[in-house]
């Protein structure tokens, strides 16, 4: 097989796969979308969040002098949730096509097991 043709075919197929991946996310049913948002690896950029917050302690490195432990955070419905720990989380960033674009470090992430989603303060 000619490698030039294989490379050319790969170039032609890449946009199609990216388009299919993007359309796949558009076609999620509501229960599937909610389940995706509850994944510990998915973070929601939230312009109204005052702090980064997660209900998942997995992968979190606790702050040594956790001055923010026990902090009351007011959430969207007006209720206040208490934080159990604060720390740092390292992770990989992906674009909308699932292609890795770099590493990320979130500092001062509040852990509150009562929360439902990972929220990244923007």
N, C-alpha and C. Protein backbone atom coordinates (compact mmCIF):
# COMPACT_ATOMS: atom_id res chain seq x y z
N UNK A 1 0.85 -1.18 0.00
CA UNK A 1 0.00 0.00 0.00
C UNK A 1 0.89 1.23 0.00
N UNK A 2 0.52 2.23 -0.74
CA UNK A 2 1.27 3.47 -0.85
C UNK A 2 1.02 4.32 0.40
N UNK A 3 2.09 4.67 1.14
CA UNK A 3 1.92 5.44 2.38
C UNK A 3 1.39 6.84 2.11
N UNK A 4 1.69 7.41 0.94
CA UNK A 4 1.17 8.74 0.62
C UNK A 4 -0.36 8.70 0.53
N UNK A 5 -0.91 7.64 -0.04
CA UNK A 5 -2.36 7.50 -0.14
C UNK A 5 -2.98 7.30 1.24
N UNK A 6 -2.32 6.50 2.07
CA UNK A 6 -2.82 6.25 3.42
C UNK A 6 -2.86 7.54 4.21
N UNK A 7 -1.78 8.33 4.11
CA UNK A 7 -1.74 9.60 4.82
C UNK A 7 -2.81 10.54 4.29
N UNK A 8 -3.00 10.54 2.98
CA UNK A 8 -4.02 11.40 2.38
C UNK A 8 -5.41 10.99 2.85
N UNK A 9 -5.67 9.69 2.91
CA UNK A 9 -6.97 9.20 3.38
C UNK A 9 -7.19 9.58 4.84
N UNK A 10 -6.15 9.48 5.65
CA UNK A 10 -6.26 9.84 7.07
C UNK A 10 -6.62 11.30 7.22
N UNK A 11 -6.03 12.15 6.40
CA UNK A 11 -6.33 13.57 6.47
C UNK A 11 -7.79 13.82 6.11
N UNK A 12 -8.30 13.07 5.11
CA UNK A 12 -9.68 13.24 4.69
C UNK A 12 -10.66 12.73 5.74
N UNK A 13 -10.28 11.66 6.47
CA UNK A 13 -11.17 11.05 7.44
C UNK A 13 -11.24 11.82 8.75
N UNK A 14 -10.19 12.52 9.13
CA UNK A 14 -10.15 13.20 10.42
C UNK A 14 -11.30 14.18 10.61
N UNK A 15 -11.58 15.09 9.65
CA UNK A 15 -12.70 16.01 9.87
C UNK A 15 -14.03 15.29 10.00
N UNK A 16 -14.24 14.21 9.24
CA UNK A 16 -15.49 13.46 9.32
C UNK A 16 -15.66 12.87 10.71
N UNK A 17 -14.59 12.28 11.27
CA UNK A 17 -14.66 11.71 12.62
C UNK A 17 -14.94 12.80 13.64
N UNK A 18 -14.31 13.97 13.49
CA UNK A 18 -14.54 15.08 14.41
C UNK A 18 -15.99 15.53 14.33
N UNK A 19 -16.54 15.62 13.10
CA UNK A 19 -17.93 16.01 12.94
C UNK A 19 -18.86 15.01 13.59
N UNK A 20 -18.58 13.71 13.42
CA UNK A 20 -19.41 12.68 14.02
C UNK A 20 -19.35 12.74 15.54
N UNK A 21 -18.16 13.01 16.10
CA UNK A 21 -18.03 13.12 17.56
C UNK A 21 -18.87 14.28 18.07
N UNK A 22 -18.81 15.41 17.36
CA UNK A 22 -19.58 16.58 17.77
C UNK A 22 -21.07 16.30 17.66
N UNK A 23 -21.52 15.68 16.58
CA UNK A 23 -22.93 15.35 16.42
C UNK A 23 -23.38 14.33 17.45
N UNK A 24 -22.48 13.44 17.84
CA UNK A 24 -22.82 12.45 18.85
C UNK A 24 -23.20 13.10 20.16
N UNK A 25 -22.52 14.18 20.53
CA UNK A 25 -22.85 14.89 21.76
C UNK A 25 -24.17 15.63 21.64
N UNK A 26 -24.48 16.15 20.46
CA UNK A 26 -25.73 16.87 20.24
C UNK A 26 -26.92 15.92 20.37
N UNK A 27 -26.74 14.67 19.98
CA UNK A 27 -27.84 13.71 19.96
C UNK A 27 -28.04 12.97 21.29
N UNK A 28 -27.36 13.37 22.35
CA UNK A 28 -27.55 12.72 23.64
C UNK A 28 -28.96 12.98 24.15
N UNK A 29 -29.58 11.95 24.70
CA UNK A 29 -30.88 12.17 25.32
C UNK A 29 -30.65 12.81 26.69
N UNK A 30 -31.69 13.35 27.27
CA UNK A 30 -31.55 14.07 28.53
C UNK A 30 -30.93 13.22 29.64
N UNK A 31 -31.40 11.98 29.88
CA UNK A 31 -30.77 11.18 30.95
C UNK A 31 -29.28 10.91 30.68
N UNK A 32 -28.91 10.69 29.39
CA UNK A 32 -27.50 10.46 29.06
C UNK A 32 -26.67 11.71 29.34
N UNK A 33 -27.20 12.87 29.01
CA UNK A 33 -26.48 14.12 29.22
C UNK A 33 -26.25 14.36 30.71
N UNK A 34 -27.26 14.11 31.54
CA UNK A 34 -27.13 14.29 32.99
C UNK A 34 -26.09 13.32 33.53
N UNK A 35 -26.11 12.09 33.08
CA UNK A 35 -25.14 11.10 33.52
C UNK A 35 -23.72 11.53 33.13
N UNK A 36 -23.57 12.09 31.96
CA UNK A 36 -22.27 12.59 31.51
C UNK A 36 -21.78 13.70 32.43
N UNK A 37 -22.67 14.62 32.81
CA UNK A 37 -22.29 15.74 33.67
C UNK A 37 -21.92 15.28 35.08
N UNK A 38 -22.41 14.12 35.51
CA UNK A 38 -22.08 13.59 36.83
C UNK A 38 -20.76 12.83 36.85
N UNK A 39 -20.13 12.66 35.69
CA UNK A 39 -18.84 11.97 35.58
C UNK A 39 -17.78 12.77 36.34
N UNK A 40 -16.98 12.14 37.19
CA UNK A 40 -15.95 12.87 37.95
C UNK A 40 -14.90 13.54 37.07
N UNK A 41 -14.80 13.15 35.82
CA UNK A 41 -13.79 13.72 34.91
C UNK A 41 -14.32 14.92 34.12
N UNK A 42 -15.61 15.19 34.19
CA UNK A 42 -16.20 16.28 33.43
C UNK A 42 -16.38 17.50 34.35
N UNK A 43 -15.87 18.64 33.91
CA UNK A 43 -16.01 19.89 34.66
C UNK A 43 -16.84 20.87 33.86
N UNK A 44 -17.73 21.56 34.53
CA UNK A 44 -18.60 22.55 33.90
C UNK A 44 -18.04 23.93 34.21
N UNK A 45 -17.75 24.70 33.16
CA UNK A 45 -17.33 26.09 33.36
C UNK A 45 -18.53 26.91 33.77
N UNK A 46 -18.47 27.52 34.96
CA UNK A 46 -19.62 28.23 35.51
C UNK A 46 -19.24 29.67 35.85
N UNK A 47 -19.80 30.62 35.13
CA UNK A 47 -19.46 32.03 35.36
C UNK A 47 -20.05 32.56 36.66
N UNK A 48 -21.04 31.88 37.23
CA UNK A 48 -21.62 32.36 38.49
C UNK A 48 -21.03 31.66 39.71
N UNK A 49 -20.18 30.67 39.51
CA UNK A 49 -19.54 29.98 40.64
C UNK A 49 -18.46 30.88 41.23
N UNK A 50 -18.43 30.99 42.54
CA UNK A 50 -17.42 31.82 43.20
C UNK A 50 -16.16 31.03 43.53
N UNK A 51 -16.27 29.70 43.55
CA UNK A 51 -15.11 28.83 43.80
C UNK A 51 -15.24 27.60 42.92
N UNK A 52 -14.11 26.93 42.67
CA UNK A 52 -14.16 25.61 42.03
C UNK A 52 -14.71 24.66 43.09
N UNK A 53 -15.63 23.78 42.70
CA UNK A 53 -16.22 22.87 43.69
C UNK A 53 -16.48 21.51 43.06
N UNK A 54 -16.31 20.45 43.85
CA UNK A 54 -16.50 19.09 43.36
C UNK A 54 -17.13 18.20 44.43
N UNK A 55 -17.94 17.22 44.03
CA UNK A 55 -18.43 16.23 44.97
C UNK A 55 -17.53 14.99 45.02
N UNK A 56 -16.39 15.05 44.33
CA UNK A 56 -15.49 13.89 44.21
C UNK A 56 -14.13 14.22 44.83
N UNK A 57 -13.68 13.41 45.78
CA UNK A 57 -12.38 13.64 46.41
C UNK A 57 -11.26 12.90 45.69
N UNK A 58 -11.60 12.03 44.75
CA UNK A 58 -10.61 11.24 44.03
C UNK A 58 -9.67 12.16 43.26
N UNK A 59 -8.37 11.99 43.46
CA UNK A 59 -7.37 12.78 42.76
C UNK A 59 -7.06 14.12 43.39
N UNK A 60 -7.75 14.47 44.46
CA UNK A 60 -7.52 15.76 45.10
C UNK A 60 -6.37 15.65 46.09
N UNK A 61 -5.46 16.61 46.02
CA UNK A 61 -4.37 16.71 47.00
C UNK A 61 -4.79 17.79 47.99
N UNK A 62 -5.06 17.42 49.26
CA UNK A 62 -5.55 18.41 50.24
C UNK A 62 -4.53 19.51 50.50
N UNK A 63 -5.05 20.72 50.75
CA UNK A 63 -4.19 21.83 51.16
C UNK A 63 -3.63 21.52 52.55
N UNK A 64 -2.37 21.87 52.78
CA UNK A 64 -1.73 21.59 54.08
C UNK A 64 -2.42 22.33 55.21
N UNK A 65 -2.60 23.61 55.07
CA UNK A 65 -3.32 24.39 56.09
C UNK A 65 -4.67 24.77 55.52
N UNK A 66 -5.60 23.86 55.64
CA UNK A 66 -6.91 24.00 54.99
C UNK A 66 -7.76 25.03 55.72
N UNK A 67 -7.53 26.31 55.42
CA UNK A 67 -8.28 27.40 56.06
C UNK A 67 -9.71 27.50 55.53
N UNK A 68 -9.97 26.86 54.38
CA UNK A 68 -11.29 26.95 53.77
C UNK A 68 -12.19 25.76 54.13
N UNK A 69 -11.68 24.81 54.92
CA UNK A 69 -12.49 23.66 55.34
C UNK A 69 -13.66 24.16 56.19
N UNK A 70 -14.83 23.64 55.94
CA UNK A 70 -16.02 24.05 56.69
C UNK A 70 -16.64 25.33 56.16
N UNK A 71 -16.20 25.80 55.02
CA UNK A 71 -16.73 27.00 54.40
C UNK A 71 -18.15 26.74 53.90
N UNK A 72 -19.06 27.67 54.12
CA UNK A 72 -20.43 27.54 53.60
C UNK A 72 -20.49 28.18 52.23
N UNK A 73 -20.93 27.40 51.24
CA UNK A 73 -21.05 27.89 49.87
C UNK A 73 -22.54 27.94 49.50
N UNK A 74 -22.99 29.10 49.05
CA UNK A 74 -24.38 29.25 48.63
C UNK A 74 -24.48 28.78 47.18
N UNK A 75 -25.38 27.84 46.93
CA UNK A 75 -25.55 27.29 45.58
C UNK A 75 -26.75 27.93 44.89
N UNK A 76 -26.98 27.56 43.64
CA UNK A 76 -28.00 28.18 42.80
C UNK A 76 -29.39 28.27 43.37
N UNK A 77 -29.81 27.30 44.16
CA UNK A 77 -31.17 27.33 44.73
C UNK A 77 -31.22 28.08 46.06
N UNK A 78 -30.10 28.69 46.47
CA UNK A 78 -30.06 29.48 47.71
C UNK A 78 -29.63 28.67 48.93
N UNK A 79 -29.57 27.35 48.79
CA UNK A 79 -29.13 26.52 49.92
C UNK A 79 -27.64 26.70 50.16
N UNK A 80 -27.20 26.44 51.37
CA UNK A 80 -25.78 26.51 51.68
C UNK A 80 -25.24 25.11 51.91
N UNK A 81 -24.14 24.80 51.24
CA UNK A 81 -23.47 23.51 51.38
C UNK A 81 -22.12 23.74 52.05
N UNK A 82 -21.74 22.84 52.95
CA UNK A 82 -20.47 22.96 53.68
C UNK A 82 -19.38 22.19 52.94
N UNK A 83 -18.18 22.74 52.94
CA UNK A 83 -17.05 22.05 52.33
C UNK A 83 -16.39 21.16 53.37
N UNK A 84 -15.95 19.99 52.94
CA UNK A 84 -15.28 19.03 53.83
C UNK A 84 -13.76 19.14 53.71
N UNK A 85 -13.28 19.70 52.59
CA UNK A 85 -11.85 19.77 52.33
C UNK A 85 -11.64 20.72 51.15
N UNK A 86 -10.45 21.27 51.07
CA UNK A 86 -10.03 22.05 49.91
C UNK A 86 -8.68 21.54 49.46
N UNK A 87 -8.46 21.58 48.16
CA UNK A 87 -7.19 21.08 47.66
C UNK A 87 -6.96 21.42 46.21
N UNK A 88 -6.02 20.68 45.61
CA UNK A 88 -5.61 20.89 44.23
C UNK A 88 -5.93 19.64 43.41
N UNK A 89 -6.39 19.85 42.19
CA UNK A 89 -6.68 18.75 41.28
C UNK A 89 -5.94 19.02 39.97
N UNK A 90 -5.21 18.01 39.50
CA UNK A 90 -4.52 18.10 38.21
C UNK A 90 -5.29 17.27 37.20
N UNK A 91 -5.32 17.73 35.97
CA UNK A 91 -6.05 16.98 34.95
C UNK A 91 -5.65 17.35 33.54
N UNK A 92 -6.26 16.68 32.60
CA UNK A 92 -6.02 16.88 31.17
C UNK A 92 -7.20 17.63 30.59
N UNK A 93 -6.94 18.63 29.74
CA UNK A 93 -8.00 19.36 29.04
C UNK A 93 -8.17 18.79 27.64
N UNK A 94 -9.44 18.72 27.19
CA UNK A 94 -9.77 18.23 25.86
C UNK A 94 -10.64 19.26 25.16
N UNK A 95 -10.53 19.33 23.82
CA UNK A 95 -11.42 20.22 23.08
C UNK A 95 -12.74 19.48 22.82
N UNK A 96 -13.65 20.12 22.10
CA UNK A 96 -14.97 19.53 21.88
C UNK A 96 -14.93 18.26 21.04
N UNK A 97 -13.80 17.98 20.38
CA UNK A 97 -13.67 16.77 19.58
C UNK A 97 -12.94 15.66 20.32
N UNK A 98 -12.66 15.87 21.61
CA UNK A 98 -12.00 14.84 22.41
C UNK A 98 -10.50 14.77 22.22
N UNK A 99 -9.92 15.81 21.65
CA UNK A 99 -8.47 15.83 21.43
C UNK A 99 -7.82 16.58 22.59
N UNK A 100 -6.81 15.94 23.22
CA UNK A 100 -6.11 16.57 24.33
C UNK A 100 -5.42 17.84 23.91
N UNK A 101 -5.60 18.92 24.68
CA UNK A 101 -5.00 20.21 24.34
C UNK A 101 -4.05 20.73 25.41
N UNK A 102 -3.91 20.03 26.52
CA UNK A 102 -2.98 20.48 27.55
C UNK A 102 -3.37 20.00 28.94
N UNK A 103 -2.50 20.32 29.87
CA UNK A 103 -2.73 19.97 31.27
C UNK A 103 -3.34 21.16 31.99
N UNK A 104 -4.06 20.88 33.07
CA UNK A 104 -4.67 21.94 33.88
C UNK A 104 -4.46 21.63 35.36
N UNK A 105 -4.31 22.66 36.14
CA UNK A 105 -4.24 22.52 37.59
C UNK A 105 -5.26 23.48 38.18
N UNK A 106 -6.19 22.93 38.95
CA UNK A 106 -7.17 23.75 39.65
C UNK A 106 -6.75 23.82 41.12
N UNK A 107 -6.49 25.04 41.59
CA UNK A 107 -6.09 25.25 42.99
C UNK A 107 -7.30 25.67 43.81
N UNK A 108 -7.25 25.40 45.09
CA UNK A 108 -8.31 25.79 46.03
C UNK A 108 -9.68 25.27 45.60
N UNK A 109 -9.73 24.01 45.22
CA UNK A 109 -10.99 23.36 44.87
C UNK A 109 -11.69 22.94 46.15
N UNK A 110 -12.94 23.33 46.30
CA UNK A 110 -13.72 22.96 47.48
C UNK A 110 -14.37 21.59 47.24
N UNK A 111 -14.17 20.68 48.19
CA UNK A 111 -14.82 19.37 48.12
C UNK A 111 -16.04 19.39 49.01
N UNK A 112 -17.19 19.14 48.41
CA UNK A 112 -18.45 19.08 49.14
C UNK A 112 -19.24 17.90 48.60
N UNK A 113 -19.29 16.80 49.35
CA UNK A 113 -19.96 15.59 48.85
C UNK A 113 -21.45 15.77 48.57
N UNK A 114 -22.07 16.81 49.08
CA UNK A 114 -23.50 17.04 48.83
C UNK A 114 -23.75 17.60 47.43
N UNK A 115 -22.73 18.13 46.79
CA UNK A 115 -22.89 18.72 45.45
C UNK A 115 -23.13 17.61 44.44
N UNK A 116 -23.57 17.99 43.25
CA UNK A 116 -23.88 17.01 42.22
C UNK A 116 -22.88 17.02 41.07
N UNK A 117 -22.35 18.21 40.72
CA UNK A 117 -21.49 18.36 39.55
C UNK A 117 -20.17 19.04 39.93
N UNK A 118 -19.17 18.83 39.06
CA UNK A 118 -17.92 19.57 39.17
C UNK A 118 -18.12 20.93 38.53
N UNK A 119 -17.91 21.99 39.27
CA UNK A 119 -18.06 23.34 38.74
C UNK A 119 -16.72 24.05 38.79
N UNK A 120 -16.33 24.61 37.67
CA UNK A 120 -15.07 25.36 37.55
C UNK A 120 -15.44 26.83 37.47
N UNK A 121 -15.00 27.61 38.44
CA UNK A 121 -15.31 29.04 38.48
C UNK A 121 -14.59 29.76 37.34
N UNK A 122 -15.35 30.45 36.49
CA UNK A 122 -14.76 31.21 35.38
C UNK A 122 -14.82 32.70 35.66
